[in-house]
Amino acid sequence: MDLLLKWWPLIWAGLNLVGFWVMWSLSRRFVSTEHCGRCREDFEKRLSRVESDSSHAPRHGDLSKIYERLNAVAGTVADQGGELRAIRRSLDLINQHLLNKGA
C-alpha cells in the first residue's frame, strides 16, 4: 500500500497523459463543427436545388393521365394493325385471282 501511495502522483499523471492522447486522437478522427457547418450549408443548397427542380416534374396524377393516353394510342395502333392485315389478305386474294385467271 505504501508503494501505491508513493507512486500515486506519477500513475495519475500517466493516466492523464493517456486520457489527453485519447481525446486528441478522437478530435482528429471526427469532423470539426466548422467543417460540419460548411457541409450543412452545401447540403441545404443542393437540397433546395433538387426541390425546385422536382417541383416541375410530373406528379402521379399527371403520369396516370399520360398512361391512359398511351394505352388509348396502343389500342388504336392495334386496331389499325388488324385493319392492315385484313387489307393485305384482300389484296392477296385479288392478286391470286388475277394470276389464276391468266393461266
N, C-alpha and C. Protein backbone atom coordinates (compact mmCIF):
# COMPACT_ATOMS: atom_id res chain seq x y z
N MET A 1 0.82 -1.18 0.00
CA MET A 1 0.00 0.00 0.00
C MET A 1 0.86 1.25 0.00
N ASP A 2 1.97 1.19 0.73
CA ASP A 2 2.87 2.34 0.77
C ASP A 2 3.43 2.63 -0.62
N LEU A 3 3.67 1.56 -1.38
CA LEU A 3 4.20 1.72 -2.73
C LEU A 3 3.19 2.45 -3.61
N LEU A 4 1.92 2.13 -3.48
CA LEU A 4 0.88 2.78 -4.26
C LEU A 4 0.77 4.25 -3.88
N LEU A 5 0.82 4.55 -2.60
CA LEU A 5 0.74 5.94 -2.16
C LEU A 5 1.96 6.74 -2.61
N LYS A 6 3.10 6.07 -2.68
CA LYS A 6 4.34 6.76 -3.09
C LYS A 6 4.30 7.10 -4.59
N TRP A 7 3.80 6.19 -5.42
CA TRP A 7 3.80 6.39 -6.88
C TRP A 7 2.48 6.94 -7.40
N TRP A 8 1.55 7.22 -6.55
CA TRP A 8 0.23 7.72 -6.95
C TRP A 8 0.30 8.95 -7.86
N PRO A 9 1.07 9.98 -7.57
CA PRO A 9 1.10 11.15 -8.47
C PRO A 9 1.60 10.79 -9.87
N LEU A 10 2.59 9.93 -9.97
CA LEU A 10 3.11 9.55 -11.29
C LEU A 10 2.09 8.69 -12.05
N ILE A 11 1.42 7.80 -11.37
CA ILE A 11 0.40 6.98 -12.01
C ILE A 11 -0.74 7.88 -12.51
N TRP A 12 -1.12 8.82 -11.66
CA TRP A 12 -2.19 9.75 -12.05
C TRP A 12 -1.78 10.60 -13.25
N ALA A 13 -0.57 11.07 -13.27
CA ALA A 13 -0.07 11.86 -14.40
C ALA A 13 -0.04 11.01 -15.67
N GLY A 14 0.37 9.77 -15.54
CA GLY A 14 0.40 8.87 -16.70
C GLY A 14 -1.01 8.61 -17.24
N LEU A 15 -1.96 8.41 -16.35
CA LEU A 15 -3.34 8.20 -16.78
C LEU A 15 -3.90 9.46 -17.45
N ASN A 16 -3.53 10.63 -16.91
CA ASN A 16 -3.96 11.88 -17.53
C ASN A 16 -3.38 12.03 -18.94
N LEU A 17 -2.10 11.70 -19.08
CA LEU A 17 -1.48 11.78 -20.40
C LEU A 17 -2.17 10.83 -21.40
N VAL A 18 -2.48 9.62 -20.95
CA VAL A 18 -3.17 8.67 -21.81
C VAL A 18 -4.55 9.22 -22.17
N GLY A 19 -5.24 9.80 -21.19
CA GLY A 19 -6.55 10.38 -21.44
C GLY A 19 -6.48 11.54 -22.43
N PHE A 20 -5.50 12.41 -22.25
CA PHE A 20 -5.34 13.52 -23.19
C PHE A 20 -5.01 13.02 -24.61
N TRP A 21 -4.18 11.99 -24.70
CA TRP A 21 -3.85 11.45 -26.01
C TRP A 21 -5.09 10.85 -26.68
N VAL A 22 -5.92 10.15 -25.91
CA VAL A 22 -7.15 9.56 -26.46
C VAL A 22 -8.07 10.67 -26.96
N MET A 23 -8.24 11.73 -26.18
CA MET A 23 -9.10 12.83 -26.59
C MET A 23 -8.56 13.52 -27.85
N TRP A 24 -7.24 13.70 -27.91
CA TRP A 24 -6.63 14.33 -29.08
C TRP A 24 -6.85 13.44 -30.31
N SER A 25 -6.71 12.12 -30.15
CA SER A 25 -6.90 11.20 -31.27
C SER A 25 -8.34 11.25 -31.76
N LEU A 26 -9.28 11.30 -30.84
CA LEU A 26 -10.68 11.36 -31.24
C LEU A 26 -11.01 12.67 -31.92
N SER A 27 -10.41 13.75 -31.48
CA SER A 27 -10.68 15.04 -32.14
C SER A 27 -10.13 15.06 -33.56
N ARG A 28 -9.10 14.33 -33.82
CA ARG A 28 -8.54 14.26 -35.17
C ARG A 28 -9.40 13.36 -36.07
N ARG A 29 -10.08 12.41 -35.49
CA ARG A 29 -10.84 11.45 -36.26
C ARG A 29 -12.20 12.01 -36.68
N PHE A 30 -12.86 12.76 -35.84
CA PHE A 30 -14.19 13.26 -36.12
C PHE A 30 -14.16 14.61 -36.80
N VAL A 31 -15.28 15.00 -37.41
CA VAL A 31 -15.39 16.24 -38.16
C VAL A 31 -15.52 17.41 -37.19
N SER A 32 -14.85 18.50 -37.53
CA SER A 32 -14.96 19.69 -36.68
C SER A 32 -16.31 20.36 -36.93
N THR A 33 -16.73 21.18 -35.97
CA THR A 33 -18.03 21.85 -36.11
C THR A 33 -18.01 22.85 -37.26
N GLU A 34 -16.87 23.47 -37.51
CA GLU A 34 -16.77 24.42 -38.63
C GLU A 34 -16.95 23.70 -39.97
N HIS A 35 -16.27 22.58 -40.11
CA HIS A 35 -16.40 21.80 -41.34
C HIS A 35 -17.81 21.25 -41.48
N CYS A 36 -18.40 20.83 -40.38
CA CYS A 36 -19.76 20.32 -40.41
C CYS A 36 -20.74 21.41 -40.84
N GLY A 37 -20.52 22.65 -40.39
CA GLY A 37 -21.38 23.77 -40.78
C GLY A 37 -21.28 24.04 -42.27
N ARG A 38 -20.06 23.99 -42.82
CA ARG A 38 -19.89 24.19 -44.27
C ARG A 38 -20.58 23.08 -45.05
N CYS A 39 -20.44 21.86 -44.58
CA CYS A 39 -21.09 20.74 -45.27
C CYS A 39 -22.60 20.88 -45.21
N ARG A 40 -23.11 21.34 -44.09
CA ARG A 40 -24.55 21.50 -43.95
C ARG A 40 -25.07 22.59 -44.89
N GLU A 41 -24.35 23.69 -45.01
CA GLU A 41 -24.75 24.75 -45.94
C GLU A 41 -24.77 24.24 -47.37
N ASP A 42 -23.75 23.49 -47.75
CA ASP A 42 -23.68 22.93 -49.09
C ASP A 42 -24.84 21.96 -49.32
N PHE A 43 -25.11 21.13 -48.32
CA PHE A 43 -26.22 20.19 -48.43
C PHE A 43 -27.55 20.91 -48.57
N GLU A 44 -27.76 21.98 -47.82
CA GLU A 44 -29.02 22.72 -47.90
C GLU A 44 -29.18 23.37 -49.26
N LYS A 45 -28.09 23.88 -49.85
CA LYS A 45 -28.16 24.46 -51.19
C LYS A 45 -28.54 23.40 -52.22
N ARG A 46 -27.90 22.26 -52.13
CA ARG A 46 -28.20 21.19 -53.08
C ARG A 46 -29.61 20.68 -52.90
N LEU A 47 -30.07 20.57 -51.66
CA LEU A 47 -31.43 20.10 -51.41
C LEU A 47 -32.46 21.08 -51.95
N SER A 48 -32.23 22.38 -51.78
CA SER A 48 -33.18 23.36 -52.30
C SER A 48 -33.20 23.33 -53.83
N ARG A 49 -32.04 23.10 -54.45
CA ARG A 49 -31.99 23.00 -55.91
C ARG A 49 -32.76 21.76 -56.39
N VAL A 50 -32.60 20.65 -55.70
CA VAL A 50 -33.33 19.43 -56.08
C VAL A 50 -34.83 19.63 -55.89
N GLU A 51 -35.21 20.27 -54.80
CA GLU A 51 -36.64 20.51 -54.55
C GLU A 51 -37.23 21.42 -55.61
N SER A 52 -36.49 22.47 -56.01
CA SER A 52 -37.02 23.36 -57.04
C SER A 52 -37.09 22.66 -58.40
N ASP A 53 -36.13 21.81 -58.69
CA ASP A 53 -36.16 21.06 -59.95
C ASP A 53 -37.29 20.03 -59.95
N SER A 54 -37.53 19.41 -58.81
CA SER A 54 -38.56 18.37 -58.77
C SER A 54 -39.96 18.96 -58.75
N SER A 55 -40.08 20.25 -58.48
CA SER A 55 -41.42 20.86 -58.50
C SER A 55 -41.98 20.91 -59.92
N HIS A 56 -41.10 20.85 -60.92
CA HIS A 56 -41.53 20.88 -62.32
C HIS A 56 -41.78 19.49 -62.88
N ALA A 57 -41.44 18.47 -62.13
CA ALA A 57 -41.61 17.09 -62.60
C ALA A 57 -43.09 16.71 -62.55
N PRO A 58 -43.50 15.81 -63.44
CA PRO A 58 -44.91 15.38 -63.42
C PRO A 58 -45.24 14.63 -62.13
N ARG A 59 -46.45 14.85 -61.65
CA ARG A 59 -46.92 14.19 -60.44
C ARG A 59 -47.60 12.86 -60.81
N HIS A 60 -48.04 12.16 -59.80
CA HIS A 60 -48.67 10.86 -60.00
C HIS A 60 -49.93 10.99 -60.86
N GLY A 61 -50.72 12.00 -60.60
CA GLY A 61 -51.93 12.21 -61.39
C GLY A 61 -51.62 12.50 -62.85
N ASP A 62 -50.58 13.31 -63.07
CA ASP A 62 -50.17 13.61 -64.44
C ASP A 62 -49.72 12.34 -65.16
N LEU A 63 -48.95 11.52 -64.46
CA LEU A 63 -48.46 10.29 -65.08
C LEU A 63 -49.60 9.33 -65.39
N SER A 64 -50.61 9.29 -64.52
CA SER A 64 -51.74 8.39 -64.81
C SER A 64 -52.49 8.85 -66.06
N LYS A 65 -52.61 10.17 -66.25
CA LYS A 65 -53.24 10.68 -67.48
C LYS A 65 -52.42 10.31 -68.71
N ILE A 66 -51.11 10.42 -68.58
CA ILE A 66 -50.22 10.06 -69.70
C ILE A 66 -50.36 8.58 -70.02
N TYR A 67 -50.40 7.73 -68.99
CA TYR A 67 -50.54 6.30 -69.21
C TYR A 67 -51.87 5.97 -69.87
N GLU A 68 -52.94 6.66 -69.47
CA GLU A 68 -54.24 6.42 -70.10
C GLU A 68 -54.19 6.76 -71.59
N ARG A 69 -53.56 7.88 -71.92
CA ARG A 69 -53.47 8.27 -73.33
C ARG A 69 -52.59 7.29 -74.10
N LEU A 70 -51.50 6.84 -73.50
CA LEU A 70 -50.65 5.85 -74.16
C LEU A 70 -51.40 4.56 -74.41
N ASN A 71 -52.20 4.14 -73.44
CA ASN A 71 -52.99 2.92 -73.63
C ASN A 71 -54.01 3.10 -74.75
N ALA A 72 -54.61 4.29 -74.84
CA ALA A 72 -55.57 4.55 -75.92
C ALA A 72 -54.87 4.51 -77.27
N VAL A 73 -53.68 5.10 -77.35
CA VAL A 73 -52.92 5.07 -78.61
C VAL A 73 -52.52 3.64 -78.96
N ALA A 74 -52.12 2.86 -77.96
CA ALA A 74 -51.76 1.47 -78.22
C ALA A 74 -52.95 0.69 -78.75
N GLY A 75 -54.13 0.94 -78.22
CA GLY A 75 -55.33 0.27 -78.73
C GLY A 75 -55.63 0.66 -80.16
N THR A 76 -55.48 1.95 -80.48
CA THR A 76 -55.72 2.42 -81.84
C THR A 76 -54.73 1.80 -82.82
N VAL A 77 -53.48 1.74 -82.42
CA VAL A 77 -52.46 1.13 -83.28
C VAL A 77 -52.76 -0.35 -83.49
N ALA A 78 -53.20 -1.04 -82.46
CA ALA A 78 -53.54 -2.46 -82.61
C ALA A 78 -54.72 -2.62 -83.57
N ASP A 79 -55.72 -1.74 -83.47
CA ASP A 79 -56.86 -1.80 -84.40
C ASP A 79 -56.41 -1.57 -85.83
N GLN A 80 -55.53 -0.59 -86.04
CA GLN A 80 -55.04 -0.31 -87.38
C GLN A 80 -54.22 -1.47 -87.92
N GLY A 81 -53.47 -2.13 -87.03
CA GLY A 81 -52.71 -3.31 -87.46
C GLY A 81 -53.65 -4.39 -87.94
N GLY A 82 -54.78 -4.59 -87.25
CA GLY A 82 -55.77 -5.58 -87.69
C GLY A 82 -56.38 -5.21 -89.02
N GLU A 83 -56.69 -3.94 -89.21
CA GLU A 83 -57.25 -3.49 -90.49
C GLU A 83 -56.25 -3.69 -91.61
N LEU A 84 -54.98 -3.40 -91.37
CA LEU A 84 -53.96 -3.59 -92.40
C LEU A 84 -53.81 -5.07 -92.77
N ARG A 85 -53.92 -5.96 -91.79
CA ARG A 85 -53.86 -7.39 -92.11
C ARG A 85 -55.05 -7.80 -92.97
N ALA A 86 -56.22 -7.25 -92.67
CA ALA A 86 -57.40 -7.58 -93.49
C ALA A 86 -57.24 -7.05 -94.91
N ILE A 87 -56.72 -5.84 -95.05
CA ILE A 87 -56.49 -5.27 -96.38
C ILE A 87 -55.46 -6.10 -97.14
N ARG A 88 -54.41 -6.52 -96.45
CA ARG A 88 -53.39 -7.32 -97.10
C ARG A 88 -53.96 -8.66 -97.56
N ARG A 89 -54.80 -9.25 -96.75
CA ARG A 89 -55.42 -10.53 -97.13
C ARG A 89 -56.31 -10.34 -98.35
N SER A 90 -57.06 -9.22 -98.39
CA SER A 90 -57.91 -8.94 -99.56
C SER A 90 -57.07 -8.75 -100.80
N LEU A 91 -55.97 -8.00 -100.67
CA LEU A 91 -55.08 -7.78 -101.83
C LEU A 91 -54.45 -9.09 -102.29
N ASP A 92 -54.08 -9.95 -101.35
CA ASP A 92 -53.53 -11.25 -101.72
C ASP A 92 -54.55 -12.08 -102.51
N LEU A 93 -55.82 -12.03 -102.06
CA LEU A 93 -56.86 -12.77 -102.78
C LEU A 93 -57.08 -12.21 -104.18
N ILE A 94 -57.10 -10.88 -104.30
CA ILE A 94 -57.27 -10.26 -105.62
C ILE A 94 -56.09 -10.62 -106.52
N ASN A 95 -54.89 -10.54 -105.98
CA ASN A 95 -53.70 -10.87 -106.75
C ASN A 95 -53.73 -12.33 -107.18
N GLN A 96 -54.11 -13.21 -106.28
CA GLN A 96 -54.19 -14.64 -106.61
C GLN A 96 -55.24 -14.89 -107.68
N HIS A 97 -56.38 -14.19 -107.61
CA HIS A 97 -57.42 -14.33 -108.60
C HIS A 97 -56.94 -13.90 -109.98
N LEU A 98 -56.24 -12.76 -110.01
CA LEU A 98 -55.73 -12.26 -111.28
C LEU A 98 -54.67 -13.18 -111.86
N LEU A 99 -53.85 -13.74 -111.03
CA LEU A 99 -52.81 -14.65 -111.52
C LEU A 99 -53.43 -15.95 -112.04
N ASN A 100 -54.44 -16.45 -111.37
CA ASN A 100 -55.08 -17.71 -111.81
C ASN A 100 -55.95 -17.50 -113.04
N LYS A 101 -56.50 -16.31 -113.24
CA LYS A 101 -57.36 -16.00 -114.39
C LYS A 101 -56.54 -16.01 -115.68
N GLY A 102 -55.32 -15.56 -115.59
CA GLY A 102 -54.46 -15.51 -116.78
C GLY A 102 -53.93 -16.87 -117.18
N ALA A 103 -54.00 -17.85 -116.35
CA ALA A 103 -53.41 -19.16 -116.64
C ALA A 103 -54.29 -20.09 -117.39
